[in-house]
Amino acid sequence: MFLIAGVTPKLKVLDSTPKPCPVCGLHQAYYKRVDHYFNLFFIPILRVKKGEPFFMCERCERTVHEFKKEHSSAWPDIQETTCHHCGKKLEKIFEYCPYCGTRISK
């Protein structure tokens, strides 16, 4: 007899309503979370670790953590600015605010 078991990540969409992406501006960004599940014979049985939510665009595949800084190593020295509409802090590379969707004037 043999047993096949392990822990694998599973991406979960938290909100199915598309939001405007802060980088490309298209309404293809969603709040998501990566949870880790214990699998038995490749079937998820039990969630062993709940991930933190993040904002990810389906088109440009950029991720913005919901409460922390950008998790991309492609932009090591990012400067911040403030959205004039909602007052939230943003990175200067954003063309649209991820919180309210307003276009950021450069």
PDB file of N, CA and C in Angstrom:
ATOM      1  N   MET A   1       0.839  -1.171   0.000  1.00  0.00           N
ATOM      2  CA  MET A   1       0.000   0.000   0.000  1.00  0.00           C
ATOM      3  C   MET A   1       0.888   1.239   0.000  1.00  0.00           C
ATOM      4  N   PHE A   2       0.449   2.263  -0.690  1.00  0.00           N
ATOM      5  CA  PHE A   2       1.207   3.500  -0.730  1.00  0.00           C
ATOM      6  C   PHE A   2       0.264   4.687  -0.494  1.00  0.00           C
ATOM      7  N   LEU A   3       0.853   5.811  -0.108  1.00  0.00           N
ATOM      8  CA  LEU A   3       0.089   7.008   0.233  1.00  0.00           C
ATOM      9  C   LEU A   3       0.719   8.195  -0.489  1.00  0.00           C
ATOM     10  N   ILE A   4      -0.087   8.961  -1.194  1.00  0.00           N
ATOM     11  CA  ILE A   4       0.393  10.166  -1.863  1.00  0.00           C
ATOM     12  C   ILE A   4      -0.223  11.356  -1.147  1.00  0.00           C
ATOM     13  N   ALA A   5       0.635  12.172  -0.493  1.00  0.00           N
ATOM     14  CA  ALA A   5       0.158  13.328   0.263  1.00  0.00           C
ATOM     15  C   ALA A   5       1.142  14.475   0.097  1.00  0.00           C
ATOM     16  N   GLY A   6       0.678  15.666   0.359  1.00  0.00           N
ATOM     17  CA  GLY A   6       1.539  16.848   0.279  1.00  0.00           C
ATOM     18  C   GLY A   6       0.755  18.115   0.526  1.00  0.00           C
ATOM     19  N   VAL A   7       1.467  19.229   0.480  1.00  0.00           N
ATOM     20  CA  VAL A   7       0.862  20.546   0.657  1.00  0.00           C
ATOM     21  C   VAL A   7       1.054  21.327  -0.640  1.00  0.00           C
ATOM     22  N   THR A   8      -0.034  21.873  -1.181  1.00  0.00           N
ATOM     23  CA  THR A   8       0.040  22.637  -2.421  1.00  0.00           C
ATOM     24  C   THR A   8      -0.697  23.966  -2.273  1.00  0.00           C
ATOM     25  N   PRO A   9      -0.245  24.993  -3.010  1.00  0.00           N
ATOM     26  CA  PRO A   9      -0.931  26.282  -2.982  1.00  0.00           C
ATOM     27  C   PRO A   9      -2.161  26.269  -3.883  1.00  0.00           C
ATOM     28  N   LYS A  10      -3.147  27.075  -3.515  1.00  0.00           N
ATOM     29  CA  LYS A  10      -4.353  27.203  -4.320  1.00  0.00           C
ATOM     30  C   LYS A  10      -4.762  28.675  -4.324  1.00  0.00           C
ATOM     31  N   LEU A  11      -4.926  29.261  -5.510  1.00  0.00           N
ATOM     32  CA  LEU A  11      -5.298  30.658  -5.651  1.00  0.00           C
ATOM     33  C   LEU A  11      -6.809  30.805  -5.508  1.00  0.00           C
ATOM     34  N   LYS A  12      -7.236  31.721  -4.642  1.00  0.00           N
ATOM     35  CA  LYS A  12      -8.659  31.946  -4.409  1.00  0.00           C
ATOM     36  C   LYS A  12      -8.983  33.400  -4.725  1.00  0.00           C
ATOM     37  N   VAL A  13      -9.992  33.625  -5.566  1.00  0.00           N
ATOM     38  CA  VAL A  13     -10.449  34.974  -5.886  1.00  0.00           C
ATOM     39  C   VAL A  13     -11.437  35.393  -4.800  1.00  0.00           C
ATOM     40  N   LEU A  14     -11.127  36.497  -4.094  1.00  0.00           N
ATOM     41  CA  LEU A  14     -11.965  36.951  -2.989  1.00  0.00           C
ATOM     42  C   LEU A  14     -13.130  37.815  -3.448  1.00  0.00           C
ATOM     43  N   ASP A  15     -12.931  38.567  -4.519  1.00  0.00           N
ATOM     44  CA  ASP A  15     -13.981  39.442  -5.035  1.00  0.00           C
ATOM     45  C   ASP A  15     -14.008  39.289  -6.550  1.00  0.00           C
ATOM     46  N   SER A  16     -15.114  38.811  -7.102  1.00  0.00           N
ATOM     47  CA  SER A  16     -15.192  38.538  -8.532  1.00  0.00           C
ATOM     48  C   SER A  16     -15.514  39.768  -9.366  1.00  0.00           C
ATOM     49  N   THR A  17     -15.676  40.927  -8.733  1.00  0.00           N
ATOM     50  CA  THR A  17     -15.932  42.166  -9.458  1.00  0.00           C
ATOM     51  C   THR A  17     -14.600  42.772  -9.887  1.00  0.00           C
ATOM     52  N   PRO A  18     -14.371  42.958 -11.201  1.00  0.00           N
ATOM     53  CA  PRO A  18     -13.092  43.519 -11.639  1.00  0.00           C
ATOM     54  C   PRO A  18     -12.948  44.984 -11.231  1.00  0.00           C
ATOM     55  N   LYS A  19     -11.730  45.347 -10.838  1.00  0.00           N
ATOM     56  CA  LYS A  19     -11.397  46.717 -10.448  1.00  0.00           C
ATOM     57  C   LYS A  19     -10.375  47.250 -11.445  1.00  0.00           C
ATOM     58  N   PRO A  20     -10.220  48.577 -11.541  1.00  0.00           N
ATOM     59  CA  PRO A  20      -9.196  49.114 -12.443  1.00  0.00           C
ATOM     60  C   PRO A  20      -7.792  48.830 -11.909  1.00  0.00           C
ATOM     61  N   CYS A  21      -6.921  48.371 -12.795  1.00  0.00           N
ATOM     62  CA  CYS A  21      -5.533  48.086 -12.426  1.00  0.00           C
ATOM     63  C   CYS A  21      -4.792  49.401 -12.208  1.00  0.00           C
ATOM     64  N   PRO A  22      -3.996  49.527 -11.134  1.00  0.00           N
ATOM     65  CA  PRO A  22      -3.260  50.767 -10.889  1.00  0.00           C
ATOM     66  C   PRO A  22      -2.122  50.989 -11.873  1.00  0.00           C
ATOM     67  N   VAL A  23      -1.721  49.966 -12.622  1.00  0.00           N
ATOM     68  CA  VAL A  23      -0.615  50.104 -13.566  1.00  0.00           C
ATOM     69  C   VAL A  23      -1.120  50.308 -15.000  1.00  0.00           C
ATOM     70  N   CYS A  24      -1.961  49.387 -15.502  1.00  0.00           N
ATOM     71  CA  CYS A  24      -2.393  49.460 -16.902  1.00  0.00           C
ATOM     72  C   CYS A  24      -3.743  50.157 -17.075  1.00  0.00           C
ATOM     73  N   GLY A  25      -4.529  50.289 -16.005  1.00  0.00           N
ATOM     74  CA  GLY A  25      -5.790  51.014 -16.071  1.00  0.00           C
ATOM     75  C   GLY A  25      -6.992  50.211 -16.520  1.00  0.00           C
ATOM     76  N   LEU A  26      -6.806  48.981 -16.981  1.00  0.00           N
ATOM     77  CA  LEU A  26      -7.938  48.169 -17.415  1.00  0.00           C
ATOM     78  C   LEU A  26      -8.662  47.560 -16.217  1.00  0.00           C
ATOM     79  N   HIS A  27      -9.933  47.324 -16.362  1.00  0.00           N
ATOM     80  CA  HIS A  27     -10.730  46.705 -15.300  1.00  0.00           C
ATOM     81  C   HIS A  27     -10.546  45.192 -15.330  1.00  0.00           C
ATOM     82  N   GLN A  28      -9.336  44.734 -14.989  1.00  0.00           N
ATOM     83  CA  GLN A  28      -9.036  43.311 -14.962  1.00  0.00           C
ATOM     84  C   GLN A  28      -8.279  42.932 -13.703  1.00  0.00           C
ATOM     85  N   ALA A  29      -8.407  43.716 -12.652  1.00  0.00           N
ATOM     86  CA  ALA A  29      -7.707  43.428 -11.400  1.00  0.00           C
ATOM     87  C   ALA A  29      -8.706  42.898 -10.375  1.00  0.00           C
ATOM     88  N   TYR A  30      -8.268  41.909  -9.596  1.00  0.00           N
ATOM     89  CA  TYR A  30      -9.121  41.262  -8.605  1.00  0.00           C
ATOM     90  C   TYR A  30      -8.369  41.117  -7.287  1.00  0.00           C
ATOM     91  N   TYR A  31      -9.129  41.084  -6.181  1.00  0.00           N
ATOM     92  CA  TYR A  31      -8.550  40.741  -4.889  1.00  0.00           C
ATOM     93  C   TYR A  31      -8.459  39.222  -4.817  1.00  0.00           C
ATOM     94  N   LYS A  32      -7.242  38.722  -4.519  1.00  0.00           N
ATOM     95  CA  LYS A  32      -7.002  37.286  -4.478  1.00  0.00           C
ATOM     96  C   LYS A  32      -6.230  36.925  -3.216  1.00  0.00           C
ATOM     97  N   ARG A  33      -6.121  35.622  -2.974  1.00  0.00           N
ATOM     98  CA  ARG A  33      -5.365  35.110  -1.838  1.00  0.00           C
ATOM     99  C   ARG A  33      -4.847  33.723  -2.207  1.00  0.00           C
ATOM    100  N   VAL A  34      -3.639  33.396  -1.757  1.00  0.00           N
ATOM    101  CA  VAL A  34      -3.070  32.065  -1.987  1.00  0.00           C
ATOM    102  C   VAL A  34      -3.109  31.309  -0.662  1.00  0.00           C
ATOM    103  N   ASP A  35      -3.922  30.255  -0.621  1.00  0.00           N
ATOM    104  CA  ASP A  35      -4.015  29.389   0.550  1.00  0.00           C
ATOM    105  C   ASP A  35      -3.266  28.092   0.257  1.00  0.00           C
ATOM    106  N   HIS A  36      -2.721  27.472   1.302  1.00  0.00           N
ATOM    107  CA  HIS A  36      -2.019  26.199   1.159  1.00  0.00           C
ATOM    108  C   HIS A  36      -2.881  25.089   1.776  1.00  0.00           C
ATOM    109  N   TYR A  37      -3.047  24.017   1.017  1.00  0.00           N
ATOM    110  CA  TYR A  37      -3.902  22.903   1.436  1.00  0.00           C
ATOM    111  C   TYR A  37      -3.107  21.609   1.541  1.00  0.00           C
ATOM    112  N   PHE A  38      -3.487  20.799   2.524  1.00  0.00           N
ATOM    113  CA  PHE A  38      -2.968  19.436   2.636  1.00  0.00           C
ATOM    114  C   PHE A  38      -3.764  18.579   1.655  1.00  0.00           C
ATOM    115  N   ASN A  39      -3.053  17.872   0.766  1.00  0.00           N
ATOM    116  CA  ASN A  39      -3.684  17.026  -0.247  1.00  0.00           C
ATOM    117  C   ASN A  39      -3.451  15.555   0.068  1.00  0.00           C
ATOM    118  N   LEU A  40      -4.453  14.776  -0.209  1.00  0.00           N
ATOM    119  CA  LEU A  40      -4.355  13.330  -0.098  1.00  0.00           C
ATOM    120  C   LEU A  40      -4.809  12.757  -1.434  1.00  0.00           C
ATOM    121  N   PHE A  41      -3.900  12.087  -2.125  1.00  0.00           N
ATOM    122  CA  PHE A  41      -4.151  11.593  -3.476  1.00  0.00           C
ATOM    123  C   PHE A  41      -4.606  12.722  -4.403  1.00  0.00           C
ATOM    124  N   PHE A  42      -3.929  13.887  -4.301  1.00  0.00           N
ATOM    125  CA  PHE A  42      -4.152  15.072  -5.136  1.00  0.00           C
ATOM    126  C   PHE A  42      -5.516  15.737  -4.919  1.00  0.00           C
ATOM    127  N   ILE A  43      -6.170  15.434  -3.820  1.00  0.00           N
ATOM    128  CA  ILE A  43      -7.449  16.057  -3.480  1.00  0.00           C
ATOM    129  C   ILE A  43      -7.231  16.950  -2.259  1.00  0.00           C
ATOM    130  N   PRO A  44      -7.547  18.276  -2.369  1.00  0.00           N
ATOM    131  CA  PRO A  44      -7.379  19.153  -1.208  1.00  0.00           C
ATOM    132  C   PRO A  44      -8.306  18.734  -0.064  1.00  0.00           C
ATOM    133  N   ILE A  45      -7.728  18.462   1.100  1.00  0.00           N
ATOM    134  CA  ILE A  45      -8.493  17.984   2.243  1.00  0.00           C
ATOM    135  C   ILE A  45      -8.662  19.067   3.299  1.00  0.00           C
ATOM    136  N   LEU A  46      -7.562  19.738   3.651  1.00  0.00           N
ATOM    137  CA  LEU A  46      -7.566  20.655   4.787  1.00  0.00           C
ATOM    138  C   LEU A  46      -6.671  21.855   4.498  1.00  0.00           C
ATOM    139  N   ARG A  47      -7.184  23.068   4.759  1.00  0.00           N
ATOM    140  CA  ARG A  47      -6.351  24.261   4.593  1.00  0.00           C
ATOM    141  C   ARG A  47      -5.389  24.335   5.777  1.00  0.00           C
ATOM    142  N   VAL A  48      -4.085  24.406   5.482  1.00  0.00           N
ATOM    143  CA  VAL A  48      -3.082  24.458   6.538  1.00  0.00           C
ATOM    144  C   VAL A  48      -2.518  25.860   6.733  1.00  0.00           C
ATOM    145  N   LYS A  49      -2.643  26.724   5.723  1.00  0.00           N
ATOM    146  CA  LYS A  49      -2.161  28.090   5.847  1.00  0.00           C
ATOM    147  C   LYS A  49      -3.040  29.015   5.015  1.00  0.00           C
ATOM    148  N   LYS A  50      -3.544  30.058   5.665  1.00  0.00           N
ATOM    149  CA  LYS A  50      -4.362  31.048   4.977  1.00  0.00           C
ATOM    150  C   LYS A  50      -3.461  32.202   4.558  1.00  0.00           C
ATOM    151  N   GLY A  51      -3.457  32.522   3.282  1.00  0.00           N
ATOM    152  CA  GLY A  51      -2.624  33.600   2.761  1.00  0.00           C
ATOM    153  C   GLY A  51      -3.217  34.970   3.031  1.00  0.00           C
ATOM    154  N   GLU A  52      -2.410  36.002   2.757  1.00  0.00           N
ATOM    155  CA  GLU A  52      -2.871  37.373   2.911  1.00  0.00           C
ATOM    156  C   GLU A  52      -3.424  37.870   1.574  1.00  0.00           C
ATOM    157  N   PRO A  53      -4.491  38.678   1.588  1.00  0.00           N
ATOM    158  CA  PRO A  53      -5.079  39.154   0.331  1.00  0.00           C
ATOM    159  C   PRO A  53      -4.148  40.121  -0.394  1.00  0.00           C
ATOM    160  N   PHE A  54      -4.229  40.090  -1.720  1.00  0.00           N
ATOM    161  CA  PHE A  54      -3.474  41.017  -2.552  1.00  0.00           C
ATOM    162  C   PHE A  54      -4.304  41.355  -3.779  1.00  0.00           C
ATOM    163  N   PHE A  55      -3.907  42.383  -4.474  1.00  0.00           N
ATOM    164  CA  PHE A  55      -4.590  42.907  -5.644  1.00  0.00           C
ATOM    165  C   PHE A  55      -3.764  42.490  -6.855  1.00  0.00           C
ATOM    166  N   MET A  56      -4.357  41.761  -7.832  1.00  0.00           N
ATOM    167  CA  MET A  56      -3.599  41.291  -8.993  1.00  0.00           C
ATOM    168  C   MET A  56      -4.366  41.534 -10.273  1.00  0.00           C
ATOM    169  N   CYS A  57      -3.650  42.061 -11.272  1.00  0.00           N
ATOM    170  CA  CYS A  57      -4.236  42.317 -12.588  1.00  0.00           C
ATOM    171  C   CYS A  57      -4.090  41.080 -13.459  1.00  0.00           C
ATOM    172  N   GLU A  58      -5.161  40.684 -14.131  1.00  0.00           N
ATOM    173  CA  GLU A  58      -5.136  39.529 -15.018  1.00  0.00           C
ATOM    174  C   GLU A  58      -4.340  39.819 -16.291  1.00  0.00           C
ATOM    175  N   ARG A  59      -4.319  41.071 -16.733  1.00  0.00           N
ATOM    176  CA  ARG A  59      -3.643  41.417 -17.981  1.00  0.00           C
ATOM    177  C   ARG A  59      -2.141  41.581 -17.800  1.00  0.00           C
ATOM    178  N   CYS A  60      -1.731  42.496 -16.917  1.00  0.00           N
ATOM    179  CA  CYS A  60      -0.294  42.770 -16.777  1.00  0.00           C
ATOM    180  C   CYS A  60       0.364  41.926 -15.680  1.00  0.00           C
ATOM    181  N   GLU A  61      -0.431  41.197 -14.914  1.00  0.00           N
ATOM    182  CA  GLU A  61       0.029  40.275 -13.864  1.00  0.00           C
ATOM    183  C   GLU A  61       0.864  40.943 -12.783  1.00  0.00           C
ATOM    184  N   ARG A  62       0.638  42.226 -12.534  1.00  0.00           N
ATOM    185  CA  ARG A  62       1.306  42.917 -11.433  1.00  0.00           C
ATOM    186  C   ARG A  62       0.503  42.679 -10.173  1.00  0.00           C
ATOM    187  N   THR A  63       1.191  42.550  -9.045  1.00  0.00           N
ATOM    188  CA  THR A  63       0.509  42.352  -7.777  1.00  0.00           C
ATOM    189  C   THR A  63       0.812  43.493  -6.836  1.00  0.00           C
ATOM    190  N   VAL A  64      -0.186  43.902  -6.107  1.00  0.00           N
ATOM    191  CA  VAL A  64      -0.051  44.926  -5.089  1.00  0.00           C
ATOM    192  C   VAL A  64      -0.660  44.357  -3.828  1.00  0.00           C
ATOM    193  N   HIS A  65       0.141  44.228  -2.793  1.00  0.00           N
ATOM    194  CA  HIS A  65      -0.365  43.689  -1.535  1.00  0.00           C
ATOM    195  C   HIS A  65      -1.369  44.679  -0.969  1.00  0.00           C
ATOM    196  N   GLU A  66      -2.401  44.190  -0.348  1.00  0.00           N
ATOM    197  CA  GLU A  66      -3.489  45.050   0.103  1.00  0.00           C
ATOM    198  C   GLU A  66      -3.043  46.054   1.169  1.00  0.00           C
ATOM    199  N   PHE A  67      -2.156  45.676   2.067  1.00  0.00           N
ATOM    200  CA  PHE A  67      -1.784  46.561   3.155  1.00  0.00           C
ATOM    201  C   PHE A  67      -0.304  46.909   3.188  1.00  0.00           C
ATOM    202  N   LYS A  68       0.493  46.305   2.326  1.00  0.00           N
ATOM    203  CA  LYS A  68       1.934  46.532   2.347  1.00  0.00           C
ATOM    204  C   LYS A  68       2.415  47.022   0.988  1.00  0.00           C
ATOM    205  N   LYS A  69       3.733  47.148   0.838  1.00  0.00           N
ATOM    206  CA  LYS A  69       4.331  47.627  -0.402  1.00  0.00           C
ATOM    207  C   LYS A  69       4.243  46.581  -1.511  1.00  0.00           C
ATOM    208  N   GLU A  70       4.592  47.008  -2.725  1.00  0.00           N
ATOM    209  CA  GLU A  70       4.628  46.154  -3.913  1.00  0.00           C
ATOM    210  C   GLU A  70       5.552  44.957  -3.681  1.00  0.00           C
ATOM    211  N   HIS A  71       5.168  43.783  -4.155  1.00  0.00           N
ATOM    212  CA  HIS A  71       5.954  42.568  -3.987  1.00  0.00           C
ATOM    213  C   HIS A  71       6.727  42.204  -5.238  1.00  0.00           C
ATOM    214  N   SER A  72       7.010  43.157  -6.099  1.00  0.00           N
ATOM    215  CA  SER A  72       7.725  42.859  -7.327  1.00  0.00           C
ATOM    216  C   SER A  72       9.181  43.269  -7.206  1.00  0.00           C
ATOM    217  N   SER A  73      10.093  42.386  -7.621  1.00  0.00           N
ATOM    218  CA  SER A  73      11.503  42.718  -7.591  1.00  0.00           C
ATOM    219  C   SER A  73      11.901  43.520  -8.823  1.00  0.00           C
ATOM    220  N   ALA A  74      10.990  43.714  -9.768  1.00  0.00           N
ATOM    221  CA  ALA A  74      11.293  44.475 -10.974  1.00  0.00           C
ATOM    222  C   ALA A  74      11.408  45.972 -10.689  1.00  0.00           C
ATOM    223  N   TRP A  75      10.813  46.457  -9.579  1.00  0.00           N
ATOM    224  CA  TRP A  75      10.835  47.869  -9.245  1.00  0.00           C
ATOM    225  C   TRP A  75      11.482  48.059  -7.885  1.00  0.00           C
ATOM    226  N   PRO A  76      12.813  48.043  -7.779  1.00  0.00           N
ATOM    227  CA  PRO A  76      13.460  48.086  -6.475  1.00  0.00           C
ATOM    228  C   PRO A  76      13.360  49.436  -5.755  1.00  0.00           C
ATOM    229  N   ASP A  77      13.397  50.556  -6.483  1.00  0.00           N
ATOM    230  CA  ASP A  77      13.405  51.879  -5.848  1.00  0.00           C
ATOM    231  C   ASP A  77      12.153  52.665  -6.220  1.00  0.00           C
ATOM    232  N   ILE A  78      11.039  52.315  -5.622  1.00  0.00           N
ATOM    233  CA  ILE A  78       9.768  52.949  -5.940  1.00  0.00           C
ATOM    234  C   ILE A  78       9.532  54.129  -5.001  1.00  0.00           C
ATOM    235  N   GLN A  79       9.136  55.260  -5.591  1.00  0.00           N
ATOM    236  CA  GLN A  79       8.807  56.439  -4.801  1.00  0.00           C
ATOM    237  C   GLN A  79       7.300  56.519  -4.658  1.00  0.00           C
ATOM    238  N   GLU A  80       6.855  57.131  -3.567  1.00  0.00           N
ATOM    239  CA  GLU A  80       5.419  57.194  -3.296  1.00  0.00           C
ATOM    240  C   GLU A  80       4.847  58.556  -3.632  1.00  0.00           C
ATOM    241  N   THR A  81       3.558  58.566  -3.906  1.00  0.00           N
ATOM    242  CA  THR A  81       2.775  59.773  -4.102  1.00  0.00           C
ATOM    243  C   THR A  81       1.435  59.555  -3.411  1.00  0.00           C
ATOM    244  N   THR A  82       0.559  60.530  -3.447  1.00  0.00           N
ATOM    245  CA  THR A  82      -0.749  60.428  -2.802  1.00  0.00           C
ATOM    246  C   THR A  82      -1.842  60.647  -3.835  1.00  0.00           C
ATOM    247  N   CYS A  83      -2.901  59.859  -3.751  1.00  0.00           N
ATOM    248  CA  CYS A  83      -4.055  60.042  -4.637  1.00  0.00           C
ATOM    249  C   CYS A  83      -4.773  61.320  -4.226  1.00  0.00           C
ATOM    250  N   HIS A  84      -5.024  62.190  -5.202  1.00  0.00           N
ATOM    251  CA  HIS A  84      -5.692  63.463  -4.903  1.00  0.00           C
ATOM    252  C   HIS A  84      -7.182  63.282  -4.636  1.00  0.00           C
ATOM    253  N   HIS A  85      -7.732  62.137  -5.023  1.00  0.00           N
ATOM    254  CA  HIS A  85      -9.168  61.901  -4.829  1.00  0.00           C
ATOM    255  C   HIS A  85      -9.483  61.266  -3.471  1.00  0.00           C
ATOM    256  N   CYS A  86      -8.762  60.167  -3.116  1.00  0.00           N
ATOM    257  CA  CYS A  86      -9.080  59.463  -1.867  1.00  0.00           C
ATOM    258  C   CYS A  86      -8.025  59.641  -0.780  1.00  0.00           C
ATOM    259  N   GLY A  87      -6.834  60.177  -1.121  1.00  0.00           N
ATOM    260  CA  GLY A  87      -5.811  60.455  -0.120  1.00  0.00           C
ATOM    261  C   GLY A  87      -4.927  59.281   0.262  1.00  0.00           C
ATOM    262  N   LYS A  88      -5.074  58.128  -0.386  1.00  0.00           N
ATOM    263  CA  LYS A  88      -4.249  56.952  -0.070  1.00  0.00           C
ATOM    264  C   LYS A  88      -2.861  57.101  -0.687  1.00  0.00           C
ATOM    265  N   LYS A  89      -1.843  56.494  -0.036  1.00  0.00           N
ATOM    266  CA  LYS A  89      -0.478  56.516  -0.563  1.00  0.00           C
ATOM    267  C   LYS A  89      -0.344  55.485  -1.676  1.00  0.00           C
ATOM    268  N   LEU A  90       0.338  55.878  -2.761  1.00  0.00           N
ATOM    269  CA  LEU A  90       0.524  55.039  -3.939  1.00  0.00           C
ATOM    270  C   LEU A  90       1.958  55.126  -4.419  1.00  0.00           C
ATOM    271  N   GLU A  91       2.376  54.161  -5.231  1.00  0.00           N
ATOM    272  CA  GLU A  91       3.659  54.260  -5.889  1.00  0.00           C
ATOM    273  C   GLU A  91       3.533  55.175  -7.098  1.00  0.00           C
ATOM    274  N   LYS A  92       4.590  55.910  -7.431  1.00  0.00           N
ATOM    275  CA  LYS A  92       4.538  56.880  -8.524  1.00  0.00           C
ATOM    276  C   LYS A  92       4.313  56.243  -9.887  1.00  0.00           C
ATOM    277  N   ILE A  93       4.609  54.955 -10.047  1.00  0.00           N
ATOM    278  CA  ILE A  93       4.434  54.315 -11.354  1.00  0.00           C
ATOM    279  C   ILE A  93       2.970  54.056 -11.684  1.00  0.00           C
ATOM    280  N   PHE A  94       2.081  54.118 -10.678  1.00  0.00           N
ATOM    281  CA  PHE A  94       0.666  53.853 -10.921  1.00  0.00           C
ATOM    282  C   PHE A  94       0.063  54.953 -11.789  1.00  0.00           C
ATOM    283  N   GLU A  95      -0.752  54.521 -12.747  1.00  0.00           N
ATOM    284  CA  GLU A  95      -1.498  55.473 -13.566  1.00  0.00           C
ATOM    285  C   GLU A  95      -2.914  55.637 -13.027  1.00  0.00           C
ATOM    286  N   TYR A  96      -3.386  54.639 -12.267  1.00  0.00           N
ATOM    287  CA  TYR A  96      -4.720  54.659 -11.679  1.00  0.00           C
ATOM    288  C   TYR A  96      -4.621  54.245 -10.217  1.00  0.00           C
ATOM    289  N   CYS A  97      -5.467  54.822  -9.382  1.00  0.00           N
ATOM    290  CA  CYS A  97      -5.489  54.492  -7.949  1.00  0.00           C
ATOM    291  C   CYS A  97      -6.169  53.128  -7.764  1.00  0.00           C
ATOM    292  N   PRO A  98      -5.521  52.168  -7.050  1.00  0.00           N
ATOM    293  CA  PRO A  98      -6.150  50.863  -6.849  1.00  0.00           C
ATOM    294  C   PRO A  98      -7.308  50.894  -5.857  1.00  0.00           C
ATOM    295  N   TYR A  99      -7.448  51.980  -5.117  1.00  0.00           N
ATOM    296  CA  TYR A  99      -8.500  52.073  -4.106  1.00  0.00           C
ATOM    297  C   TYR A  99      -9.773  52.709  -4.659  1.00  0.00           C
ATOM    298  N   CYS A 100      -9.631  53.795  -5.468  1.00  0.00           N
ATOM    299  CA  CYS A 100     -10.835  54.480  -5.958  1.00  0.00           C
ATOM    300  C   CYS A 100     -10.959  54.458  -7.472  1.00  0.00           C
ATOM    301  N   GLY A 101      -9.887  54.074  -8.208  1.00  0.00           N
ATOM    302  CA  GLY A 101      -9.952  53.978  -9.669  1.00  0.00           C
ATOM    303  C   GLY A 101      -9.701  55.278 -10.408  1.00  0.00           C
ATOM    304  N   THR A 102      -9.394  56.364  -9.708  1.00  0.00           N
ATOM    305  CA  THR A 102      -9.162  57.648 -10.334  1.00  0.00           C
ATOM    306  C   THR A 102      -7.818  57.661 -11.057  1.00  0.00           C
ATOM    307  N   ARG A 103      -7.779  58.299 -12.246  1.00  0.00           N
ATOM    308  CA  ARG A 103      -6.526  58.426 -12.986  1.00  0.00           C
ATOM    309  C   ARG A 103      -5.608  59.385 -12.219  1.00  0.00           C
ATOM    310  N   ILE A 104      -4.339  58.996 -12.060  1.00  0.00           N
ATOM    311  CA  ILE A 104      -3.369  59.798 -11.322  1.00  0.00           C
ATOM    312  C   ILE A 104      -2.706  60.759 -12.290  1.00  0.00           C
ATOM    313  N   SER A 105      -2.758  62.050 -11.980  1.00  0.00           N
ATOM    314  CA  SER A 105      -2.117  63.046 -12.840  1.00  0.00           C
ATOM    315  C   SER A 105      -0.622  63.065 -12.537  1.00  0.00           C
ATOM    316  N   LYS A 106       0.174  63.089 -13.576  1.00  0.00           N
ATOM    317  CA  LYS A 106       1.635  63.050 -13.427  1.00  0.00           C
ATOM    318  C   LYS A 106       2.222  64.433 -13.450  1.00  0.00           C
TER     319      LYS A 106
END
